[in-house]
Amino acid sequence: MWKKRLAAVLSAGAVALSLCSCSLKTQDMIEEKRSVPVPPKMVFLGDSIAAGYGLDGYDKDDLYQCESYANILGKDYTELLADECGHTMINDSVSGDTSQDLLDLLDSGAIDEDLKGSDAVVVSIGGNDVLNIIFSAAESLGWSEDTQDFDFGRVKIKEAISKLTSMSDQIDKALDGYEVNLAKICDELHERTDGEIYVQTLYNPVEYFKDWKMLTEYADGKIDRFNEIVKDGADADGVHHYTVIDVGNQFEGRNSQLTNIAHYDIHPNADGHKIIAEAVDKELRKGEYSYIVTVPGEEHYTDEAIRLFITLGIVGVLLIGGVITVIIRSRLKKDA
């Protein structure tokens, strides 16, 4: 009889434990870091070059409809990260902006939310600081949109020297201002994002005027200094401030093919934007990027289950103890 009682107690305990193991288990969710080859979120800042001015579909109020290098990369990265974390590309460039304009935009706080959490910020700024002054030299000597076949040989040497010399101080002052502003821009960006900052060098569309050697050599010198400012500032004073994307080098010798300069427009054409996209992509892929995903961890019993197991164990011990007591008393009575 006692054997049947013991078996019943053990069977009941086993059934209870089985039910508890099915209903009282839990699984923690843990955060897992996963690497990706391109930035999950990137922001483009700058002027009309980054905005895509001059391209089919360009709209200053909607920068996402043309095939600018920002949009080319945005589409490529969106497809690449579709099964990962997804991709976000924001273009806050403003056509016509100078380095001071970009600095003012940052100071205003208007794009703080866009920059928050960004993995990469690509900056194209400063062209309007310098190129507008250089082109005013050509205009003052008679070249304009309506004079596509302008005979540069008709320009009087003394007059050209005088014009260029008078503007030299103006351009140098603009370059000095750009150097100061660029450092401030990067400082402002570092306060708003932990992502890497990338700064583009400037191409030289004036190279198109190969028959006007005096102007091309003059422009070469000024734009060379512009690009030296960009390159020297990247790791100034032993501190890494930003990574350089050398667009100027990619355009060298090909400005007439990669810009609209033949139509009195210094901006990159569709082919130019593809070249810039390749240069930006090459540098971006050198970075390290990751995102956090929540995944199931190990399964374990809940605190309630553990307390119940302890209770069942105590009850089981008491029941077994009771059965043993009954057995002992039964045998003692039989022996008596």
Protein backbone atom coordinates (compact mmCIF):
# COMPACT_ATOMS: atom_id res chain seq x y z
CA MET A 1 0.00 0.00 0.00
CA TRP A 2 2.77 2.38 0.92
CA LYS A 3 4.45 1.73 -2.43
CA LYS A 4 1.37 2.88 -4.29
CA ARG A 5 1.20 6.05 -2.17
CA LEU A 6 4.86 6.85 -2.84
CA ALA A 7 4.44 6.27 -6.56
CA ALA A 8 1.41 8.54 -6.59
CA VAL A 9 3.33 11.32 -4.80
CA LEU A 10 6.27 11.07 -7.19
CA SER A 11 4.00 10.99 -10.25
CA ALA A 12 2.12 14.06 -9.06
CA GLY A 13 5.38 15.89 -8.45
CA ALA A 14 6.69 14.96 -11.88
CA VAL A 15 3.52 16.21 -13.58
CA ALA A 16 3.68 19.48 -11.63
CA LEU A 17 7.31 20.02 -12.57
CA SER A 18 6.55 19.24 -16.20
CA LEU A 19 3.78 21.81 -16.29
CA CYS A 20 5.95 24.41 -14.61
CA SER A 21 8.82 23.90 -17.04
CA CYS A 22 6.52 24.65 -19.97
CA SER A 23 4.78 27.72 -18.58
CA LEU A 24 7.31 29.32 -16.27
CA LYS A 25 10.35 29.67 -18.52
CA THR A 26 11.44 33.02 -19.95
CA GLN A 27 13.98 34.25 -22.51
CA ASP A 28 15.96 37.48 -22.12
CA MET A 29 16.46 39.80 -25.10
CA ILE A 30 20.04 40.97 -25.57
CA GLU A 31 21.62 43.70 -27.70
CA GLU A 32 23.98 42.50 -30.42
CA LYS A 33 26.39 44.72 -32.39
CA ARG A 34 26.58 44.00 -36.12
CA SER A 35 29.06 45.51 -38.58
CA VAL A 36 28.09 46.95 -41.97
CA PRO A 37 30.32 48.22 -44.82
CA VAL A 38 28.73 51.66 -45.24
CA PRO A 39 27.24 54.27 -42.88
CA PRO A 40 23.63 53.55 -41.85
CA LYS A 41 22.98 57.29 -41.60
CA MET A 42 24.82 59.98 -43.54
CA VAL A 43 24.30 63.71 -43.97
CA PHE A 44 25.48 65.91 -46.84
CA LEU A 45 26.21 69.58 -46.22
CA GLY A 46 27.44 72.38 -48.42
CA ASP A 47 26.60 74.34 -51.51
CA SER A 48 25.20 73.82 -55.00
CA ILE A 49 27.79 71.13 -55.84
CA ALA A 50 26.39 68.82 -53.16
CA ALA A 51 22.84 69.97 -53.87
CA GLY A 52 23.04 68.82 -57.50
CA TYR A 53 22.50 72.20 -59.17
CA GLY A 54 22.40 71.96 -62.96
CA LEU A 55 21.30 68.31 -63.11
CA ASP A 56 18.05 67.12 -64.66
CA GLY A 57 15.41 67.03 -61.94
CA TYR A 58 17.21 69.49 -59.67
CA ASP A 59 14.85 71.44 -57.43
CA LYS A 60 16.21 73.67 -54.69
CA ASP A 61 13.17 72.77 -52.57
CA ASP A 62 13.55 69.02 -53.11
CA LEU A 63 17.13 67.82 -53.49
CA TYR A 64 16.20 64.13 -53.74
CA GLN A 65 14.94 63.99 -57.33
CA CYS A 66 18.16 64.48 -59.34
CA GLU A 67 21.10 62.13 -59.83
CA SER A 68 23.48 64.00 -57.54
CA TYR A 69 26.29 62.08 -55.93
CA ALA A 70 24.40 62.27 -52.63
CA ASN A 71 21.35 60.62 -54.21
CA ILE A 72 23.45 58.06 -56.09
CA LEU A 73 25.04 56.90 -52.84
CA GLY A 74 21.77 57.13 -50.93
CA LYS A 75 20.09 54.74 -53.37
CA ASP A 76 23.04 52.34 -53.44
CA TYR A 77 23.34 52.20 -49.65
CA THR A 78 19.59 51.83 -49.16
CA GLU A 79 19.66 48.73 -51.34
CA LEU A 80 22.83 47.43 -49.69
CA LEU A 81 21.46 47.74 -46.14
CA ALA A 82 17.87 46.75 -46.91
CA ASP A 83 18.21 43.43 -45.07
CA GLU A 84 20.31 44.92 -42.28
CA CYS A 85 19.48 48.14 -40.44
CA GLY A 86 18.18 50.20 -43.36
CA HIS A 87 19.74 53.45 -44.53
CA THR A 88 19.05 57.15 -44.05
CA MET A 89 20.50 59.90 -46.26
CA ILE A 90 19.81 63.57 -45.54
CA ASN A 91 20.95 66.40 -47.82
CA ASP A 92 20.94 69.80 -46.12
CA SER A 93 23.02 71.53 -48.79
CA VAL A 94 21.98 75.00 -49.95
CA SER A 95 22.84 76.32 -53.41
CA GLY A 96 24.82 79.54 -53.21
CA ASP A 97 26.04 79.04 -49.65
CA THR A 98 29.52 80.11 -48.62
CA SER A 99 31.49 78.70 -45.70
CA GLN A 100 30.10 81.47 -43.51
CA ASP A 101 26.55 80.54 -44.53
CA LEU A 102 27.14 76.92 -43.50
CA LEU A 103 28.62 78.04 -40.20
CA ASP A 104 25.54 80.23 -39.59
CA LEU A 105 23.27 77.28 -40.41
CA LEU A 106 25.04 75.12 -37.85
CA ASP A 107 24.92 77.86 -35.24
CA SER A 108 21.16 78.23 -35.77
CA GLY A 109 20.53 74.67 -34.58
CA ALA A 110 18.17 74.09 -37.50
CA ILE A 111 19.85 70.84 -38.55
CA ASP A 112 20.87 69.50 -35.13
CA GLU A 113 18.26 66.74 -35.32
CA ASP A 114 19.45 65.73 -38.79
CA LEU A 115 23.02 65.41 -37.54
CA LYS A 116 22.08 63.49 -34.40
CA GLY A 117 23.11 59.86 -34.67
CA SER A 118 24.77 60.29 -38.05
CA ASP A 119 27.62 57.94 -38.93
CA ALA A 120 29.14 60.16 -41.62
CA VAL A 121 28.86 63.84 -42.57
CA VAL A 122 30.12 64.80 -46.04
CA VAL A 123 30.92 68.49 -46.57
CA SER A 124 31.39 70.35 -49.85
CA ILE A 125 31.83 74.03 -49.10
CA GLY A 126 34.04 76.96 -50.05
CA GLY A 127 33.64 77.04 -53.83
CA ASN A 128 31.47 80.14 -53.59
CA ASP A 129 34.09 81.79 -51.37
CA VAL A 130 36.65 81.68 -54.18
CA LEU A 131 35.32 80.75 -57.63
CA ASN A 132 32.88 83.65 -57.81
CA ILE A 133 35.75 86.09 -57.40
CA ILE A 134 37.86 84.34 -60.04
CA PHE A 135 35.03 84.28 -62.53
CA SER A 136 34.34 87.93 -61.98
CA ALA A 137 37.82 88.49 -63.42
CA ALA A 138 36.85 86.76 -66.64
CA GLU A 139 33.59 88.68 -66.76
CA SER A 140 35.32 92.00 -66.22
CA LEU A 141 37.51 91.22 -69.21
CA GLY A 142 34.53 90.52 -71.46
CA TRP A 143 33.76 86.80 -71.12
CA SER A 144 30.16 85.89 -70.40
CA GLU A 145 27.49 83.33 -71.15
CA ASP A 146 26.74 85.13 -74.41
CA THR A 147 30.33 85.00 -75.64
CA GLN A 148 31.00 81.27 -75.93
CA ASP A 149 33.56 81.81 -78.70
CA PHE A 150 35.33 84.62 -76.88
CA ASP A 151 38.76 85.35 -78.34
CA PHE A 152 41.01 85.50 -75.30
CA GLY A 153 43.79 86.67 -77.56
CA ARG A 154 42.03 90.03 -77.79
CA VAL A 155 42.48 90.68 -74.09
CA LYS A 156 45.13 93.26 -73.42
CA ILE A 157 47.92 91.81 -71.28
CA LYS A 158 48.33 94.91 -69.14
CA GLU A 159 44.59 95.12 -68.52
CA ALA A 160 44.44 91.42 -67.54
CA ILE A 161 47.41 91.73 -65.18
CA SER A 162 45.84 94.77 -63.58
CA LYS A 163 42.49 93.02 -63.06
CA LEU A 164 44.02 89.86 -61.62
CA THR A 165 46.41 91.74 -59.38
CA SER A 166 43.67 93.93 -57.98
CA MET A 167 41.64 90.87 -57.04
CA SER A 168 44.53 88.84 -55.65
CA ASP A 169 44.25 90.41 -52.18
CA GLN A 170 40.49 89.88 -52.26
CA ILE A 171 40.86 86.17 -53.00
CA ASP A 172 43.62 85.72 -50.43
CA LYS A 173 41.39 87.34 -47.84
CA ALA A 174 38.56 84.98 -48.84
CA LEU A 175 40.91 82.00 -48.48
CA ASP A 176 42.00 83.16 -45.04
CA GLY A 177 38.36 83.42 -44.04
CA TYR A 178 37.65 79.98 -45.45
CA GLU A 179 40.48 78.45 -43.41
CA VAL A 180 39.07 79.90 -40.20
CA ASN A 181 35.49 78.96 -41.06
CA LEU A 182 36.36 75.40 -42.03
CA ALA A 183 37.95 74.77 -38.62
CA LYS A 184 34.89 76.25 -36.90
CA ILE A 185 32.51 74.20 -39.06
CA CYS A 186 34.25 70.97 -38.08
CA ASP A 187 34.24 71.96 -34.40
CA GLU A 188 30.50 72.61 -34.61
CA LEU A 189 29.94 69.26 -36.31
CA HIS A 190 31.92 67.38 -33.69
CA GLU A 191 29.63 68.86 -31.04
CA ARG A 192 26.58 67.49 -32.86
CA THR A 193 27.67 64.05 -34.05
CA ASP A 194 30.08 61.27 -33.20
CA GLY A 195 30.18 60.28 -36.86
CA GLU A 196 33.22 60.81 -39.08
CA ILE A 197 33.39 64.11 -40.96
CA TYR A 198 34.52 64.18 -44.59
CA VAL A 199 35.57 67.35 -46.42
CA GLN A 200 35.87 67.56 -50.20
CA THR A 201 38.61 69.40 -52.07
CA LEU A 202 37.71 71.75 -54.91
CA TYR A 203 38.09 71.05 -58.62
CA ASN A 204 39.30 73.75 -61.01
CA PRO A 205 36.82 74.50 -63.81
CA VAL A 206 39.00 77.45 -64.92
CA GLU A 207 41.28 74.85 -66.49
CA TYR A 208 38.81 74.98 -69.40
CA PHE A 209 40.27 78.32 -70.48
CA LYS A 210 43.44 76.69 -71.82
CA ASP A 211 43.87 79.49 -74.37
CA TRP A 212 44.05 82.06 -71.59
CA LYS A 213 47.15 80.85 -69.80
CA MET A 214 47.40 83.86 -67.51
CA LEU A 215 43.96 83.22 -65.99
CA THR A 216 44.39 79.44 -65.71
CA GLU A 217 47.74 79.73 -63.95
CA TYR A 218 46.31 82.36 -61.65
CA ALA A 219 43.32 80.18 -60.78
CA ASP A 220 45.53 77.11 -60.35
CA GLY A 221 47.52 78.88 -57.68
CA LYS A 222 44.45 80.02 -55.74
CA ILE A 223 42.62 76.70 -55.92
CA ASP A 224 45.82 74.85 -55.02
CA ARG A 225 45.97 76.92 -51.86
CA PHE A 226 42.30 76.19 -51.18
CA ASN A 227 42.99 72.46 -51.38
CA GLU A 228 46.10 72.78 -49.22
CA ILE A 229 43.91 74.39 -46.54
CA VAL A 230 41.55 71.40 -46.70
CA LYS A 231 44.36 68.83 -46.56
CA ASP A 232 46.41 70.58 -43.89
CA GLY A 233 43.39 71.01 -41.62
CA ALA A 234 42.47 67.33 -41.57
CA ASP A 235 44.99 66.43 -38.86
CA ALA A 236 46.11 69.84 -37.67
CA ASP A 237 48.04 70.06 -34.38
CA GLY A 238 48.23 66.29 -34.16
CA VAL A 239 44.45 65.95 -33.80
CA HIS A 240 42.22 64.22 -36.35
CA HIS A 241 39.46 66.63 -37.37
CA TYR A 242 38.13 65.10 -40.58
CA THR A 243 38.93 62.89 -43.57
CA VAL A 244 39.71 64.44 -46.95
CA ILE A 245 37.91 63.40 -50.14
CA ASP A 246 40.14 64.60 -52.97
CA VAL A 247 37.58 65.52 -55.63
CA GLY A 248 39.97 68.07 -57.15
CA ASN A 249 42.46 65.35 -57.98
CA GLN A 250 39.75 63.24 -59.64
CA PHE A 251 38.72 66.15 -61.89
CA GLU A 252 42.23 67.29 -62.82
CA GLY A 253 42.64 67.35 -66.59
CA ARG A 254 38.98 66.41 -67.05
CA ASN A 255 37.10 69.52 -65.90
CA SER A 256 35.79 70.24 -69.39
CA GLN A 257 34.28 66.71 -69.53
CA LEU A 258 33.01 66.53 -65.94
CA THR A 259 31.53 70.02 -65.53
CA ASN A 260 29.19 72.29 -67.50
CA ILE A 261 31.86 74.95 -67.86
CA ALA A 262 31.46 74.99 -71.65
CA HIS A 263 28.00 76.40 -70.98
CA TYR A 264 29.23 78.98 -68.49
CA ASP A 265 28.33 76.73 -65.56
CA ILE A 266 31.02 75.61 -63.13
CA HIS A 267 28.93 72.79 -61.65
CA PRO A 268 29.56 69.08 -62.22
CA ASN A 269 27.49 67.40 -64.91
CA ALA A 270 25.99 63.90 -64.59
CA ASP A 271 29.35 62.27 -65.32
CA GLY A 272 31.01 64.55 -62.79
CA HIS A 273 28.57 63.51 -60.08
CA LYS A 274 29.27 59.85 -60.81
CA ILE A 275 32.99 60.49 -60.35
CA ILE A 276 32.38 62.33 -57.07
CA ALA A 277 30.11 59.49 -55.91
CA GLU A 278 32.92 57.01 -56.56
CA ALA A 279 35.42 59.15 -54.64
CA VAL A 280 33.08 59.61 -51.68
CA ASP A 281 32.13 55.93 -51.65
CA LYS A 282 35.79 54.87 -51.64
CA GLU A 283 36.51 56.94 -48.52
CA LEU A 284 33.29 56.03 -46.73
CA ARG A 285 33.98 52.31 -47.11
CA LYS A 286 37.25 52.73 -45.23
CA GLY A 287 35.30 53.55 -42.08
CA GLU A 288 33.90 51.17 -39.48
CA TYR A 289 30.13 51.16 -39.03
CA SER A 290 27.73 49.10 -36.98
CA TYR A 291 24.20 48.98 -35.64
CA ILE A 292 22.55 47.39 -32.62
CA VAL A 293 19.91 44.69 -32.98
CA THR A 294 17.92 43.01 -30.19
CA VAL A 295 17.99 39.18 -30.33
CA PRO A 296 16.72 36.37 -28.03
CA GLY A 297 19.20 35.24 -25.38
CA GLU A 298 19.36 32.04 -23.33
CA GLU A 299 16.15 30.54 -21.95
CA HIS A 300 15.86 30.24 -18.17
CA TYR A 301 13.29 29.75 -15.42
CA THR A 302 11.53 32.74 -13.94
CA ASP A 303 11.83 33.64 -10.27
CA GLU A 304 8.24 32.46 -9.80
CA ALA A 305 9.14 29.06 -11.24
CA ILE A 306 12.14 28.71 -8.95
CA ARG A 307 10.03 29.56 -5.90
CA LEU A 308 7.42 27.04 -6.99
CA PHE A 309 10.07 24.35 -7.50
CA ILE A 310 11.35 24.96 -3.98
CA THR A 311 7.83 24.73 -2.58
CA LEU A 312 7.14 21.53 -4.50
CA GLY A 313 10.42 20.12 -3.28
CA ILE A 314 9.56 20.85 0.33
CA VAL A 315 6.09 19.39 -0.09
CA GLY A 316 7.57 16.33 -1.76
CA VAL A 317 10.06 15.81 1.06
CA LEU A 318 7.29 16.12 3.63
CA LEU A 319 5.09 13.67 1.73
CA ILE A 320 7.90 11.18 1.33
CA GLY A 321 8.78 11.61 4.98
CA GLY A 322 5.16 10.93 5.86
CA VAL A 323 5.11 7.76 3.77
CA ILE A 324 8.32 6.53 5.38
CA THR A 325 6.87 7.21 8.82
CA VAL A 326 3.78 5.19 7.93
CA ILE A 327 5.95 2.31 6.72
CA ILE A 328 8.08 2.29 9.86
CA ARG A 329 5.01 2.38 12.12
CA SER A 330 3.41 -0.38 10.08
CA ARG A 331 6.42 -2.65 10.49
CA LEU A 332 6.78 -1.87 14.18
CA LYS A 333 3.13 -2.77 14.73
CA LYS A 334 3.60 -6.00 12.76
CA ASP A 335 6.68 -6.95 14.79
CA ALA A 336 4.84 -6.27 18.03
